[in-house]
Amino acid sequence: MTTRVLVAGDHFVQNSLLVDALRREVPGEVDIRELTLPWPVEPFGRVGEVDEASDVEDELIEALRGVEVCVTQMAPLTKRVLDASPDLRLFCVSRGGPVNANLEAAARAGVAVTYAPGRNAVATAEHTLAMLLAATRRIPQTHADLAGGVWRGDYYKYDNVGPELDGSTVGLIGYGAIGRRVARMLEGFGASVLVHDPYVDVHGKVGLEELLRRSRFVSLHARATPETAGMIGAAQLAAMPRGSVLVNCARGALLDYDALCDALDSGQLFGAAMDVFPEEPIPHGSRLLTTPNLVMTPHLAGASKETAMKAAAIVAADVARYIRGEPLAHPATP
């Protein structure tokens, strides 16, 4: 007996990757339908009661008719979708957290939700280091000057150059899969690492105040929760040594961005690099677009070919476990 599966990929975790992974894990045991979602050509957003999803409720409901398993990255698992999909039993989200799924409603409907933890750990760690170096060595600014025909010798002045990683202390706020990889990379640069994370016990763990006071570089890797929302504000930025560098490749909710702009304007921070923002896309007229010494990328730290392939492999493996009647490896619901 075959299991009917909807593959609802997008332009990053493509349908072809998901289908190939399923064929490897459960050859001949699945009847696959496909739906292509518009992300990232069209930004994700809030859909119904869930966040960071593609606005495709109607299309998803139609595609889920008679479907038992859905594998996706951005499809919205809302109460409306659940109510209209009585055959659905497994919803696999190929991302680090199932924020686009209403877990309570899924549990009530008897739909298991899984996700793909660690899929983008390598890509995000590498991007974090790239952003840290770009902000410290002012690579985007100097490139833009040269591309515009301007040779800025004043960048070589002592007051205009940044610190080295070698011999510096770097504070990591959050020490999950990404934070641990960043720490290993930093050690290769000769940096000392401090960690603030209430959920781990590791060498170099300190309180937040001590980490900020001692760190020349600070990188955010915590999850966005009610407890971590706004955890870095004006007081925390002021506690850092003057001329420090701050990187955020985690979530925009962790940081007060007005306070960040103030700290860059005043020189309290030498530089900063942000991949995530309180509102995405960044609205026209935002201070972030004119604040000096700020490097920005559009929420793509986790974007690599390997991330997409790992994501597909992780969710396909859980589909195989479901079909064999085995416990799921990464359940988000009971």
C-alpha atoms as a PDB file:
ATOM      1  CA  MET A   1       0.000   0.000   0.000  1.00  0.00           C
ATOM      2  CA  THR A   2       1.431   3.368  -1.006  1.00  0.00           C
ATOM      3  CA  THR A   3       1.305   6.559   1.054  1.00  0.00           C
ATOM      4  CA  ARG A   4       0.133   9.719  -0.705  1.00  0.00           C
ATOM      5  CA  VAL A   5       2.617  12.538  -0.098  1.00  0.00           C
ATOM      6  CA  LEU A   6       2.420  16.218  -1.029  1.00  0.00           C
ATOM      7  CA  VAL A   7       5.811  17.764  -1.766  1.00  0.00           C
ATOM      8  CA  ALA A   8       5.340  21.521  -1.287  1.00  0.00           C
ATOM      9  CA  GLY A   9       8.800  22.872  -1.952  1.00  0.00           C
ATOM     10  CA  ASP A  10       9.897  26.305  -3.082  1.00  0.00           C
ATOM     11  CA  HIS A  11      12.773  27.954  -4.940  1.00  0.00           C
ATOM     12  CA  PHE A  12      15.322  27.036  -2.235  1.00  0.00           C
ATOM     13  CA  VAL A  13      14.310  23.633  -0.878  1.00  0.00           C
ATOM     14  CA  GLN A  14      13.182  22.589  -4.308  1.00  0.00           C
ATOM     15  CA  ASN A  15      10.638  19.917  -5.091  1.00  0.00           C
ATOM     16  CA  SER A  16      13.280  17.966  -6.978  1.00  0.00           C
ATOM     17  CA  LEU A  17      15.453  17.751  -3.848  1.00  0.00           C
ATOM     18  CA  LEU A  18      12.538  16.586  -1.709  1.00  0.00           C
ATOM     19  CA  VAL A  19      11.343  14.054  -4.302  1.00  0.00           C
ATOM     20  CA  ASP A  20      14.848  12.629  -4.776  1.00  0.00           C
ATOM     21  CA  ALA A  21      15.297  12.286  -1.003  1.00  0.00           C
ATOM     22  CA  LEU A  22      11.937  10.518  -0.658  1.00  0.00           C
ATOM     23  CA  ARG A  23      12.736   8.150  -3.517  1.00  0.00           C
ATOM     24  CA  ARG A  24      15.984   7.210  -1.779  1.00  0.00           C
ATOM     25  CA  GLU A  25      14.352   6.656   1.608  1.00  0.00           C
ATOM     26  CA  VAL A  26      11.078   5.009   0.559  1.00  0.00           C
ATOM     27  CA  PRO A  27      11.397   3.794  -3.039  1.00  0.00           C
ATOM     28  CA  GLY A  28       8.091   2.629  -4.458  1.00  0.00           C
ATOM     29  CA  GLU A  29       6.163   3.322  -1.242  1.00  0.00           C
ATOM     30  CA  VAL A  30       4.916   6.850  -1.924  1.00  0.00           C
ATOM     31  CA  ASP A  31       2.516   8.441  -4.388  1.00  0.00           C
ATOM     32  CA  ILE A  32       3.892  11.967  -4.759  1.00  0.00           C
ATOM     33  CA  ARG A  33       2.002  15.140  -5.630  1.00  0.00           C
ATOM     34  CA  GLU A  34       3.828  18.446  -6.058  1.00  0.00           C
ATOM     35  CA  LEU A  35       3.063  22.092  -5.261  1.00  0.00           C
ATOM     36  CA  THR A  36       5.663  24.838  -5.745  1.00  0.00           C
ATOM     37  CA  LEU A  37       5.531  27.742  -3.280  1.00  0.00           C
ATOM     38  CA  PRO A  38       6.745  31.240  -4.249  1.00  0.00           C
ATOM     39  CA  TRP A  39       9.374  31.799  -1.512  1.00  0.00           C
ATOM     40  CA  PRO A  40      11.917  33.485  -1.672  1.00  0.00           C
ATOM     41  CA  VAL A  41      10.747  35.275  -4.820  1.00  0.00           C
ATOM     42  CA  GLU A  42       7.822  36.404  -2.661  1.00  0.00           C
ATOM     43  CA  PRO A  43       8.673  37.087   1.021  1.00  0.00           C
ATOM     44  CA  PHE A  44       7.163  34.972   3.768  1.00  0.00           C
ATOM     45  CA  GLY A  45       4.940  36.551   6.387  1.00  0.00           C
ATOM     46  CA  ARG A  46       2.175  35.879   8.866  1.00  0.00           C
ATOM     47  CA  VAL A  47      -0.580  33.639   7.512  1.00  0.00           C
ATOM     48  CA  GLY A  48      -3.557  33.141   9.762  1.00  0.00           C
ATOM     49  CA  GLU A  49      -2.133  32.360  13.181  1.00  0.00           C
ATOM     50  CA  VAL A  50       1.337  31.182  12.030  1.00  0.00           C
ATOM     51  CA  ASP A  51       4.504  33.093  11.152  1.00  0.00           C
ATOM     52  CA  GLU A  52       7.100  32.978   8.381  1.00  0.00           C
ATOM     53  CA  ALA A  53       4.905  31.163   5.873  1.00  0.00           C
ATOM     54  CA  SER A  54       3.933  31.539   2.228  1.00  0.00           C
ATOM     55  CA  ASP A  55       0.402  32.863   1.787  1.00  0.00           C
ATOM     56  CA  VAL A  56      -0.975  29.814  -0.026  1.00  0.00           C
ATOM     57  CA  GLU A  57      -3.720  28.475   2.238  1.00  0.00           C
ATOM     58  CA  ASP A  58      -6.213  27.993  -0.600  1.00  0.00           C
ATOM     59  CA  GLU A  59      -3.730  26.253  -2.910  1.00  0.00           C
ATOM     60  CA  LEU A  60      -2.470  24.078  -0.048  1.00  0.00           C
ATOM     61  CA  ILE A  61      -5.970  22.967   0.961  1.00  0.00           C
ATOM     62  CA  GLU A  62      -6.703  21.911  -2.608  1.00  0.00           C
ATOM     63  CA  ALA A  63      -3.384  20.053  -2.956  1.00  0.00           C
ATOM     64  CA  LEU A  64      -3.855  18.226   0.373  1.00  0.00           C
ATOM     65  CA  ARG A  65      -7.083  16.485  -0.635  1.00  0.00           C
ATOM     66  CA  GLY A  66      -6.568  12.779   0.085  1.00  0.00           C
ATOM     67  CA  VAL A  67      -2.963  13.403   1.218  1.00  0.00           C
ATOM     68  CA  GLU A  68      -1.562  11.687   4.324  1.00  0.00           C
ATOM     69  CA  VAL A  69       1.917  13.285   4.470  1.00  0.00           C
ATOM     70  CA  CYS A  70       3.132  16.767   3.541  1.00  0.00           C
ATOM     71  CA  VAL A  71       6.796  17.764   3.269  1.00  0.00           C
ATOM     72  CA  THR A  72       7.492  21.465   2.932  1.00  0.00           C
ATOM     73  CA  GLN A  73       9.507  24.433   4.119  1.00  0.00           C
ATOM     74  CA  MET A  74       7.089  27.360   3.958  1.00  0.00           C
ATOM     75  CA  ALA A  75       3.549  25.954   3.683  1.00  0.00           C
ATOM     76  CA  PRO A  76       1.224  27.312   6.417  1.00  0.00           C
ATOM     77  CA  LEU A  77      -0.223  24.636   8.683  1.00  0.00           C
ATOM     78  CA  THR A  78      -3.057  26.734  10.078  1.00  0.00           C
ATOM     79  CA  LYS A  79      -6.238  25.635  11.818  1.00  0.00           C
ATOM     80  CA  ARG A  80      -8.082  26.381   8.587  1.00  0.00           C
ATOM     81  CA  VAL A  81      -5.778  24.070   6.627  1.00  0.00           C
ATOM     82  CA  LEU A  82      -6.063  21.360   9.277  1.00  0.00           C
ATOM     83  CA  ASP A  83      -9.855  21.548   9.352  1.00  0.00           C
ATOM     84  CA  ALA A  84      -9.957  21.144   5.571  1.00  0.00           C
ATOM     85  CA  SER A  85      -7.459  18.235   5.467  1.00  0.00           C
ATOM     86  CA  PRO A  86      -8.921  15.263   7.369  1.00  0.00           C
ATOM     87  CA  ASP A  87      -6.568  12.726   5.765  1.00  0.00           C
ATOM     88  CA  LEU A  88      -3.375  14.526   6.816  1.00  0.00           C
ATOM     89  CA  ARG A  89      -1.373  12.687   9.489  1.00  0.00           C
ATOM     90  CA  LEU A  90       2.219  13.952   9.143  1.00  0.00           C
ATOM     91  CA  PHE A  91       3.506  17.463   8.332  1.00  0.00           C
ATOM     92  CA  CYS A  92       7.288  17.691   7.892  1.00  0.00           C
ATOM     93  CA  VAL A  93       8.857  21.165   8.010  1.00  0.00           C
ATOM     94  CA  SER A  94      12.303  21.212   6.424  1.00  0.00           C
ATOM     95  CA  ARG A  95      13.659  24.053   8.562  1.00  0.00           C
ATOM     96  CA  GLY A  96      15.242  24.520  11.954  1.00  0.00           C
ATOM     97  CA  GLY A  97      11.957  25.315  13.688  1.00  0.00           C
ATOM     98  CA  PRO A  98       8.315  24.705  12.678  1.00  0.00           C
ATOM     99  CA  VAL A  99       7.202  28.329  13.125  1.00  0.00           C
ATOM    100  CA  ASN A 100       4.839  27.986  10.147  1.00  0.00           C
ATOM    101  CA  ALA A 101       2.815  25.269  11.906  1.00  0.00           C
ATOM    102  CA  ASN A 102       0.094  25.642  14.534  1.00  0.00           C
ATOM    103  CA  LEU A 103       1.380  22.895  16.809  1.00  0.00           C
ATOM    104  CA  GLU A 104      -1.519  22.972  19.260  1.00  0.00           C
ATOM    105  CA  ALA A 105      -4.115  22.677  16.520  1.00  0.00           C
ATOM    106  CA  ALA A 106      -2.073  19.950  14.819  1.00  0.00           C
ATOM    107  CA  ALA A 107      -1.894  17.932  18.027  1.00  0.00           C
ATOM    108  CA  ARG A 108      -5.657  18.233  18.521  1.00  0.00           C
ATOM    109  CA  ALA A 109      -6.194  17.068  14.944  1.00  0.00           C
ATOM    110  CA  GLY A 110      -3.900  14.086  15.380  1.00  0.00           C
ATOM    111  CA  VAL A 111      -1.306  15.443  12.936  1.00  0.00           C
ATOM    112  CA  ALA A 112       2.337  14.896  13.844  1.00  0.00           C
ATOM    113  CA  VAL A 113       4.705  17.757  12.970  1.00  0.00           C
ATOM    114  CA  THR A 114       8.433  17.265  12.478  1.00  0.00           C
ATOM    115  CA  TYR A 115      11.239  19.657  11.598  1.00  0.00           C
ATOM    116  CA  ALA A 116      14.910  19.675  10.547  1.00  0.00           C
ATOM    117  CA  PRO A 117      17.137  20.900  13.391  1.00  0.00           C
ATOM    118  CA  GLY A 118      20.714  21.718  12.481  1.00  0.00           C
ATOM    119  CA  ARG A 119      20.100  21.776   8.732  1.00  0.00           C
ATOM    120  CA  ASN A 120      21.712  25.203   8.302  1.00  0.00           C
ATOM    121  CA  ALA A 121      24.220  25.153  11.161  1.00  0.00           C
ATOM    122  CA  VAL A 122      27.293  25.060   8.925  1.00  0.00           C
ATOM    123  CA  ALA A 123      26.043  27.689   6.492  1.00  0.00           C
ATOM    124  CA  THR A 124      24.981  30.083   9.262  1.00  0.00           C
ATOM    125  CA  ALA A 125      28.237  29.639  11.169  1.00  0.00           C
ATOM    126  CA  GLU A 126      30.265  30.356   8.040  1.00  0.00           C
ATOM    127  CA  HIS A 127      28.125  33.404   7.251  1.00  0.00           C
ATOM    128  CA  THR A 128      28.544  34.658  10.808  1.00  0.00           C
ATOM    129  CA  LEU A 129      32.330  34.607  10.446  1.00  0.00           C
ATOM    130  CA  ALA A 130      32.092  36.291   7.060  1.00  0.00           C
ATOM    131  CA  MET A 131      29.900  39.045   8.482  1.00  0.00           C
ATOM    132  CA  LEU A 132      32.155  39.535  11.484  1.00  0.00           C
ATOM    133  CA  LEU A 133      35.198  39.946   9.249  1.00  0.00           C
ATOM    134  CA  ALA A 134      33.345  42.128   6.742  1.00  0.00           C
ATOM    135  CA  ALA A 135      32.279  44.553   9.477  1.00  0.00           C
ATOM    136  CA  THR A 136      35.658  44.592  11.185  1.00  0.00           C
ATOM    137  CA  ARG A 137      37.695  45.095   7.990  1.00  0.00           C
ATOM    138  CA  ARG A 138      35.054  47.348   6.373  1.00  0.00           C
ATOM    139  CA  ILE A 139      35.037  45.234   3.235  1.00  0.00           C
ATOM    140  CA  PRO A 140      31.653  46.386   1.832  1.00  0.00           C
ATOM    141  CA  GLN A 141      32.456  50.082   2.322  1.00  0.00           C
ATOM    142  CA  THR A 142      35.902  49.903   0.784  1.00  0.00           C
ATOM    143  CA  HIS A 143      34.627  47.852  -2.148  1.00  0.00           C
ATOM    144  CA  ALA A 144      31.843  50.379  -2.793  1.00  0.00           C
ATOM    145  CA  ASP A 145      34.380  53.232  -2.740  1.00  0.00           C
ATOM    146  CA  LEU A 146      36.680  51.475  -5.192  1.00  0.00           C
ATOM    147  CA  ALA A 147      33.786  50.530  -7.470  1.00  0.00           C
ATOM    148  CA  GLY A 148      32.852  54.218  -7.476  1.00  0.00           C
ATOM    149  CA  GLY A 149      36.376  55.244  -8.483  1.00  0.00           C
ATOM    150  CA  VAL A 150      37.396  56.510  -5.035  1.00  0.00           C
ATOM    151  CA  TRP A 151      40.647  55.456  -3.317  1.00  0.00           C
ATOM    152  CA  ARG A 152      40.219  56.065   0.423  1.00  0.00           C
ATOM    153  CA  GLY A 153      43.646  56.151   1.982  1.00  0.00           C
ATOM    154  CA  ASP A 154      42.129  57.514   5.201  1.00  0.00           C
ATOM    155  CA  TYR A 155      40.808  54.046   5.984  1.00  0.00           C
ATOM    156  CA  TYR A 156      44.384  53.240   7.011  1.00  0.00           C
ATOM    157  CA  LYS A 157      44.396  55.805   9.854  1.00  0.00           C
ATOM    158  CA  TYR A 158      44.772  54.226  13.292  1.00  0.00           C
ATOM    159  CA  ASP A 159      41.388  55.527  14.473  1.00  0.00           C
ATOM    160  CA  ASN A 160      39.680  54.084  11.385  1.00  0.00           C
ATOM    161  CA  VAL A 161      40.963  50.516  11.523  1.00  0.00           C
ATOM    162  CA  GLY A 162      39.371  47.679  13.425  1.00  0.00           C
ATOM    163  CA  PRO A 163      40.682  45.022  15.815  1.00  0.00           C
ATOM    164  CA  GLU A 164      42.031  41.578  15.004  1.00  0.00           C
ATOM    165  CA  LEU A 165      40.350  38.345  16.021  1.00  0.00           C
ATOM    166  CA  ASP A 166      43.678  36.839  17.078  1.00  0.00           C
ATOM    167  CA  GLY A 167      44.048  37.441  20.792  1.00  0.00           C
ATOM    168  CA  SER A 168      40.573  38.966  21.145  1.00  0.00           C
ATOM    169  CA  THR A 169      37.660  37.747  23.240  1.00  0.00           C
ATOM    170  CA  VAL A 170      34.470  36.863  21.374  1.00  0.00           C
ATOM    171  CA  GLY A 171      31.191  36.479  23.232  1.00  0.00           C
ATOM    172  CA  LEU A 172      28.590  34.057  21.887  1.00  0.00           C
ATOM    173  CA  ILE A 173      25.046  34.551  23.147  1.00  0.00           C
ATOM    174  CA  GLY A 174      23.447  31.165  22.499  1.00  0.00           C
ATOM    175  CA  TYR A 175      25.390  27.923  22.155  1.00  0.00           C
ATOM    176  CA  GLY A 176      23.355  25.540  20.074  1.00  0.00           C
ATOM    177  CA  ALA A 177      24.449  23.831  16.869  1.00  0.00           C
ATOM    178  CA  ILE A 178      25.402  27.131  15.219  1.00  0.00           C
ATOM    179  CA  GLY A 179      27.097  28.707  18.229  1.00  0.00           C
ATOM    180  CA  ARG A 180      29.256  25.620  18.772  1.00  0.00           C
ATOM    181  CA  ARG A 181      30.460  25.684  15.172  1.00  0.00           C
ATOM    182  CA  VAL A 182      31.232  29.392  15.365  1.00  0.00           C
ATOM    183  CA  ALA A 183      33.274  28.744  18.516  1.00  0.00           C
ATOM    184  CA  ARG A 184      35.381  26.095  16.760  1.00  0.00           C
ATOM    185  CA  MET A 185      36.030  28.430  13.840  1.00  0.00           C
ATOM    186  CA  LEU A 186      36.998  31.286  16.156  1.00  0.00           C
ATOM    187  CA  GLU A 187      39.497  29.140  17.989  1.00  0.00           C
ATOM    188  CA  GLY A 188      41.238  28.626  14.643  1.00  0.00           C
ATOM    189  CA  PHE A 189      41.626  32.409  14.416  1.00  0.00           C
ATOM    190  CA  GLY A 190      43.295  32.515  17.822  1.00  0.00           C
ATOM    191  CA  ALA A 191      40.329  34.092  19.614  1.00  0.00           C
ATOM    192  CA  SER A 192      39.133  33.316  23.134  1.00  0.00           C
ATOM    193  CA  VAL A 193      35.450  32.431  23.407  1.00  0.00           C
ATOM    194  CA  LEU A 194      32.959  33.271  26.146  1.00  0.00           C
ATOM    195  CA  VAL A 195      29.467  31.775  26.154  1.00  0.00           C
ATOM    196  CA  HIS A 196      26.161  32.886  27.616  1.00  0.00           C
ATOM    197  CA  ASP A 197      23.442  30.242  27.388  1.00  0.00           C
ATOM    198  CA  PRO A 198      21.302  29.164  30.359  1.00  0.00           C
ATOM    199  CA  TYR A 199      20.640  25.770  28.767  1.00  0.00           C
ATOM    200  CA  VAL A 200      24.203  24.485  28.406  1.00  0.00           C
ATOM    201  CA  ASP A 201      27.130  23.789  30.708  1.00  0.00           C
ATOM    202  CA  VAL A 202      30.362  24.497  28.846  1.00  0.00           C
ATOM    203  CA  HIS A 203      33.827  25.852  29.494  1.00  0.00           C
ATOM    204  CA  GLY A 204      33.791  29.624  29.176  1.00  0.00           C
ATOM    205  CA  LYS A 205      30.178  30.021  30.261  1.00  0.00           C
ATOM    206  CA  VAL A 206      29.539  33.356  31.991  1.00  0.00           C
ATOM    207  CA  GLY A 207      26.660  35.666  32.793  1.00  0.00           C
ATOM    208  CA  LEU A 208      25.425  38.088  30.154  1.00  0.00           C
ATOM    209  CA  GLU A 209      26.834  41.171  31.903  1.00  0.00           C
ATOM    210  CA  GLU A 210      30.295  39.644  32.192  1.00  0.00           C
ATOM    211  CA  LEU A 211      30.258  38.484  28.572  1.00  0.00           C
ATOM    212  CA  LEU A 212      29.366  41.960  27.316  1.00  0.00           C
ATOM    213  CA  ARG A 213      31.955  43.647  29.526  1.00  0.00           C
ATOM    214  CA  ARG A 214      34.803  41.374  28.417  1.00  0.00           C
ATOM    215  CA  SER A 215      34.039  40.792  24.724  1.00  0.00           C
ATOM    216  CA  ARG A 216      35.499  42.815  21.867  1.00  0.00           C
ATOM    217  CA  PHE A 217      33.176  40.964  19.499  1.00  0.00           C
ATOM    218  CA  VAL A 218      29.673  39.680  20.298  1.00  0.00           C
ATOM    219  CA  SER A 219      27.619  37.331  18.114  1.00  0.00           C
ATOM    220  CA  LEU A 220      23.965  36.439  18.732  1.00  0.00           C
ATOM    221  CA  HIS A 221      22.809  32.840  18.320  1.00  0.00           C
ATOM    222  CA  ALA A 222      19.856  32.561  20.725  1.00  0.00           C
ATOM    223  CA  ARG A 223      16.358  31.538  19.702  1.00  0.00           C
ATOM    224  CA  ALA A 224      13.608  34.145  19.745  1.00  0.00           C
ATOM    225  CA  THR A 225      11.431  33.499  22.798  1.00  0.00           C
ATOM    226  CA  PRO A 226       9.499  35.748  25.186  1.00  0.00           C
ATOM    227  CA  GLU A 227      12.547  35.554  27.495  1.00  0.00           C
ATOM    228  CA  THR A 228      15.087  36.592  24.836  1.00  0.00           C
ATOM    229  CA  ALA A 229      13.033  39.297  23.103  1.00  0.00           C
ATOM    230  CA  GLY A 230      14.947  42.588  23.241  1.00  0.00           C
ATOM    231  CA  MET A 231      17.706  41.047  25.347  1.00  0.00           C
ATOM    232  CA  ILE A 232      20.296  43.363  23.760  1.00  0.00           C
ATOM    233  CA  GLY A 233      19.258  46.994  24.161  1.00  0.00           C
ATOM    234  CA  ALA A 234      20.874  50.336  24.902  1.00  0.00           C
ATOM    235  CA  ALA A 235      22.169  49.307  28.339  1.00  0.00           C
ATOM    236  CA  GLN A 236      23.748  46.107  27.016  1.00  0.00           C
ATOM    237  CA  LEU A 237      25.389  47.884  24.073  1.00  0.00           C
ATOM    238  CA  ALA A 238      26.765  50.524  26.433  1.00  0.00           C
ATOM    239  CA  ALA A 239      28.268  47.763  28.595  1.00  0.00           C
ATOM    240  CA  MET A 240      30.435  46.533  25.716  1.00  0.00           C
ATOM    241  CA  PRO A 241      33.965  47.964  25.334  1.00  0.00           C
ATOM    242  CA  ARG A 242      33.965  51.053  23.138  1.00  0.00           C
ATOM    243  CA  GLY A 243      34.857  50.137  19.562  1.00  0.00           C
ATOM    244  CA  SER A 244      33.349  46.636  19.720  1.00  0.00           C
ATOM    245  CA  VAL A 245      31.657  44.732  16.910  1.00  0.00           C
ATOM    246  CA  LEU A 246      28.198  43.104  17.083  1.00  0.00           C
ATOM    247  CA  VAL A 247      26.845  40.423  14.734  1.00  0.00           C
ATOM    248  CA  ASN A 248      23.289  39.087  14.551  1.00  0.00           C
ATOM    249  CA  CYS A 249      22.572  36.125  12.271  1.00  0.00           C
ATOM    250  CA  ALA A 250      19.913  34.712  14.615  1.00  0.00           C
ATOM    251  CA  ARG A 251      16.621  36.620  14.942  1.00  0.00           C
ATOM    252  CA  GLY A 252      15.729  40.292  14.751  1.00  0.00           C
ATOM    253  CA  ALA A 253      13.633  40.093  17.924  1.00  0.00           C
ATOM    254  CA  LEU A 254      16.767  39.668  20.061  1.00  0.00           C
ATOM    255  CA  LEU A 255      18.016  43.212  19.474  1.00  0.00           C
ATOM    256  CA  ASP A 256      16.822  46.809  19.860  1.00  0.00           C
ATOM    257  CA  TYR A 257      17.718  48.163  16.421  1.00  0.00           C
ATOM    258  CA  ASP A 258      17.228  51.832  17.339  1.00  0.00           C
ATOM    259  CA  ALA A 259      19.749  51.334  20.130  1.00  0.00           C
ATOM    260  CA  LEU A 260      22.053  49.632  17.636  1.00  0.00           C
ATOM    261  CA  CYS A 261      21.903  52.637  15.299  1.00  0.00           C
ATOM    262  CA  ASP A 262      22.583  54.977  18.234  1.00  0.00           C
ATOM    263  CA  ALA A 263      25.625  52.920  19.243  1.00  0.00           C
ATOM    264  CA  LEU A 264      27.015  53.020  15.698  1.00  0.00           C
ATOM    265  CA  ASP A 265      26.327  56.733  15.312  1.00  0.00           C
ATOM    266  CA  SER A 266      28.142  57.510  18.581  1.00  0.00           C
ATOM    267  CA  GLY A 267      31.104  55.230  17.897  1.00  0.00           C
ATOM    268  CA  GLN A 268      30.306  53.004  20.871  1.00  0.00           C
ATOM    269  CA  LEU A 269      30.315  50.206  18.298  1.00  0.00           C
ATOM    270  CA  PHE A 270      33.062  50.165  15.682  1.00  0.00           C
ATOM    271  CA  GLY A 271      30.816  48.154  13.399  1.00  0.00           C
ATOM    272  CA  ALA A 272      27.913  45.749  13.219  1.00  0.00           C
ATOM    273  CA  ALA A 273      26.669  43.114  10.805  1.00  0.00           C
ATOM    274  CA  MET A 274      23.031  42.064  10.591  1.00  0.00           C
ATOM    275  CA  ASP A 275      21.369  39.281   8.615  1.00  0.00           C
ATOM    276  CA  VAL A 276      18.004  39.569  10.409  1.00  0.00           C
ATOM    277  CA  PHE A 277      15.760  42.515  11.162  1.00  0.00           C
ATOM    278  CA  PRO A 278      12.672  43.478  13.190  1.00  0.00           C
ATOM    279  CA  GLU A 279      10.722  43.915   9.959  1.00  0.00           C
ATOM    280  CA  GLU A 280      11.551  42.058   6.753  1.00  0.00           C
ATOM    281  CA  PRO A 281      11.953  43.401   4.112  1.00  0.00           C
ATOM    282  CA  ILE A 282      13.447  46.508   5.722  1.00  0.00           C
ATOM    283  CA  PRO A 283      10.922  49.341   5.247  1.00  0.00           C
ATOM    284  CA  HIS A 284      11.770  52.385   3.170  1.00  0.00           C
ATOM    285  CA  GLY A 285      13.098  55.191   5.352  1.00  0.00           C
ATOM    286  CA  SER A 286      14.483  52.901   8.075  1.00  0.00           C
ATOM    287  CA  ARG A 287      17.484  54.205   9.992  1.00  0.00           C
ATOM    288  CA  LEU A 288      19.235  50.960   9.176  1.00  0.00           C
ATOM    289  CA  LEU A 289      19.606  52.092   5.564  1.00  0.00           C
ATOM    290  CA  THR A 290      21.648  55.184   6.457  1.00  0.00           C
ATOM    291  CA  THR A 291      23.502  54.258   9.673  1.00  0.00           C
ATOM    292  CA  PRO A 292      27.283  54.099   9.150  1.00  0.00           C
ATOM    293  CA  ASN A 293      29.501  51.022   9.592  1.00  0.00           C
ATOM    294  CA  LEU A 294      26.613  48.602   9.311  1.00  0.00           C
ATOM    295  CA  VAL A 295      26.885  45.536   7.051  1.00  0.00           C
ATOM    296  CA  MET A 296      23.577  43.916   6.058  1.00  0.00           C
ATOM    297  CA  THR A 297      22.438  40.811   4.192  1.00  0.00           C
ATOM    298  CA  PRO A 298      18.780  39.880   3.526  1.00  0.00           C
ATOM    299  CA  HIS A 299      18.240  36.956   5.952  1.00  0.00           C
ATOM    300  CA  LEU A 300      20.313  34.494   3.952  1.00  0.00           C
ATOM    301  CA  ALA A 301      22.887  33.271   6.477  1.00  0.00           C
ATOM    302  CA  GLY A 302      21.547  29.738   6.180  1.00  0.00           C
ATOM    303  CA  ALA A 303      21.473  29.773   2.388  1.00  0.00           C
ATOM    304  CA  SER A 304      23.734  27.138   0.862  1.00  0.00           C
ATOM    305  CA  LYS A 305      23.154  24.237  -1.485  1.00  0.00           C
ATOM    306  CA  GLU A 306      24.125  21.873   1.326  1.00  0.00           C
ATOM    307  CA  THR A 307      21.479  23.377   3.631  1.00  0.00           C
ATOM    308  CA  ALA A 308      18.732  22.630   1.112  1.00  0.00           C
ATOM    309  CA  MET A 309      19.998  19.102   0.525  1.00  0.00           C
ATOM    310  CA  LYS A 310      20.319  18.373   4.251  1.00  0.00           C
ATOM    311  CA  ALA A 311      16.818  19.735   4.863  1.00  0.00           C
ATOM    312  CA  ALA A 312      15.344  17.409   2.253  1.00  0.00           C
ATOM    313  CA  ALA A 313      17.246  14.413   3.607  1.00  0.00           C
ATOM    314  CA  ILE A 314      16.178  15.043   7.230  1.00  0.00           C
ATOM    315  CA  VAL A 315      12.451  15.262   6.502  1.00  0.00           C
ATOM    316  CA  ALA A 316      12.542  12.344   4.045  1.00  0.00           C
ATOM    317  CA  ALA A 317      14.109  10.181   6.744  1.00  0.00           C
ATOM    318  CA  ASP A 318      11.243  11.004   9.105  1.00  0.00           C
ATOM    319  CA  VAL A 319       8.700  10.169   6.390  1.00  0.00           C
ATOM    320  CA  ALA A 320      10.392   6.774   6.076  1.00  0.00           C
ATOM    321  CA  ARG A 321      10.188   6.265   9.862  1.00  0.00           C
ATOM    322  CA  TYR A 322       6.488   7.146   9.780  1.00  0.00           C
ATOM    323  CA  ILE A 323       5.792   4.671   6.986  1.00  0.00           C
ATOM    324  CA  ARG A 324       7.695   1.917   8.836  1.00  0.00           C
ATOM    325  CA  GLY A 325       5.812   2.685  12.047  1.00  0.00           C
ATOM    326  CA  GLU A 326       8.950   3.808  13.892  1.00  0.00           C
ATOM    327  CA  PRO A 327       9.294   6.765  16.275  1.00  0.00           C
ATOM    328  CA  LEU A 328       9.961  10.059  14.529  1.00  0.00           C
ATOM    329  CA  ALA A 329      13.440  11.512  14.984  1.00  0.00           C
ATOM    330  CA  HIS A 330      12.451  15.188  15.227  1.00  0.00           C
ATOM    331  CA  PRO A 331       8.878  15.516  16.495  1.00  0.00           C
ATOM    332  CA  ALA A 332       7.525  18.960  17.371  1.00  0.00           C
ATOM    333  CA  THR A 333       4.193  17.586  18.597  1.00  0.00           C
ATOM    334  CA  PRO A 334       3.429  14.737  21.029  1.00  0.00           C
END
